[in-house]
Amino acid sequence: MRWGFASAPGLGVRPIINARAETLASKPMFASAYKTARCALPVSSYLEGDIEVRIDGTPLFYLAGIYQRGADDVMEFTVIT
């Protein structure tokens, strides 16, 4: 499993690592996964800019995500922000 949806042709080579909740259903890259492939991603922390965010006393918490099978047949996921 790989973090980030592969970029669409012409958008660059960097994977898309997050998807905005407010436009998720309308963006062609995410619409299908939004309808059929939602998930909860266990994390111990995340980065907000240069700051690591943790929840005190909680070893894991969950972020909303979506996933799909990539063109190379590897499962890929992105975080919903």
Protein backbone atom coordinates (compact mmCIF):
# COMPACT_ATOMS: atom_id res chain seq x y z
CA MET A 1 0.00 0.00 0.00
CA ARG A 2 1.29 3.44 -0.94
CA TRP A 3 0.46 6.91 0.40
CA GLY A 4 -0.80 9.24 -2.30
CA PHE A 5 -2.87 8.88 -5.46
CA ALA A 6 -0.75 8.95 -8.61
CA SER A 7 -0.96 12.33 -10.32
CA ALA A 8 -3.05 12.61 -13.45
CA PRO A 9 -1.06 13.07 -16.66
CA GLY A 10 0.07 16.67 -17.00
CA LEU A 11 -0.22 17.46 -13.28
CA GLY A 12 3.34 16.56 -12.34
CA VAL A 13 4.99 13.56 -10.78
CA ARG A 14 4.27 14.14 -7.09
CA PRO A 15 1.54 11.94 -5.60
CA ILE A 16 -1.63 13.59 -4.29
CA ILE A 17 -1.37 12.98 -0.52
CA ASN A 18 -4.57 14.66 0.63
CA ALA A 19 -8.04 15.50 -0.67
CA ARG A 20 -10.22 18.39 0.48
CA ALA A 21 -13.48 17.19 2.00
CA GLU A 22 -15.50 20.03 0.48
CA THR A 23 -14.57 19.09 -3.13
CA LEU A 24 -14.05 15.35 -2.77
CA ALA A 25 -17.25 14.23 -4.51
CA SER A 26 -16.83 16.61 -7.46
CA LYS A 27 -13.16 16.01 -8.33
CA PRO A 28 -12.79 13.28 -10.99
CA MET A 29 -9.63 11.94 -9.34
CA PHE A 30 -11.46 11.21 -6.06
CA ALA A 31 -15.17 10.79 -6.93
CA SER A 32 -15.17 7.02 -7.43
CA ALA A 33 -13.12 6.27 -4.30
CA TYR A 34 -15.29 8.68 -2.31
CA LYS A 35 -18.39 6.68 -3.27
CA THR A 36 -17.00 3.17 -2.77
CA ALA A 37 -13.61 3.06 -1.00
CA ARG A 38 -13.53 4.98 2.27
CA CYS A 39 -11.24 4.00 5.11
CA ALA A 40 -9.91 4.96 8.54
CA LEU A 41 -6.14 5.44 8.68
CA PRO A 42 -4.47 4.71 12.03
CA VAL A 43 -1.76 7.26 12.90
CA SER A 44 0.27 8.17 15.96
CA SER A 45 0.78 11.78 14.80
CA TYR A 46 0.65 14.05 11.78
CA LEU A 47 2.46 17.17 10.62
CA GLU A 48 0.74 20.55 10.37
CA GLY A 49 3.39 22.67 8.71
CA ASP A 50 6.49 22.18 10.86
CA ILE A 51 4.54 21.10 13.97
CA GLU A 52 3.98 17.47 14.89
CA VAL A 53 0.47 16.98 16.27
CA ARG A 54 -0.15 14.19 18.80
CA ILE A 55 -3.04 13.43 21.14
CA ASP A 56 -1.72 13.08 24.70
CA GLY A 57 -2.32 9.67 26.23
CA THR A 58 -3.46 8.16 22.93
CA PRO A 59 -0.98 5.96 21.07
CA LEU A 60 -3.14 5.86 17.91
CA PHE A 61 -5.99 7.86 16.44
CA TYR A 62 -7.66 7.78 13.04
CA LEU A 63 -7.83 10.05 10.02
CA ALA A 64 -10.46 9.71 7.29
CA GLY A 65 -9.18 8.49 3.95
CA ILE A 66 -10.02 7.01 0.58
CA TYR A 67 -8.19 4.36 -1.43
CA GLN A 68 -7.96 2.90 -4.94
CA ARG A 69 -5.95 0.44 -6.98
CA GLY A 70 -3.26 2.32 -8.89
CA ALA A 71 -2.33 1.83 -12.53
CA ASP A 72 0.58 -0.39 -11.41
CA ASP A 73 -1.88 -2.57 -9.41
CA VAL A 74 -0.60 -1.25 -6.04
CA MET A 75 -3.22 0.00 -3.58
CA GLU A 76 -2.85 3.71 -2.84
CA PHE A 77 -4.56 5.95 -0.32
CA THR A 78 -4.95 9.62 0.47
CA VAL A 79 -6.04 11.49 3.59
CA ILE A 80 -9.24 13.56 3.62
CA THR A 81 -8.56 17.03 5.04
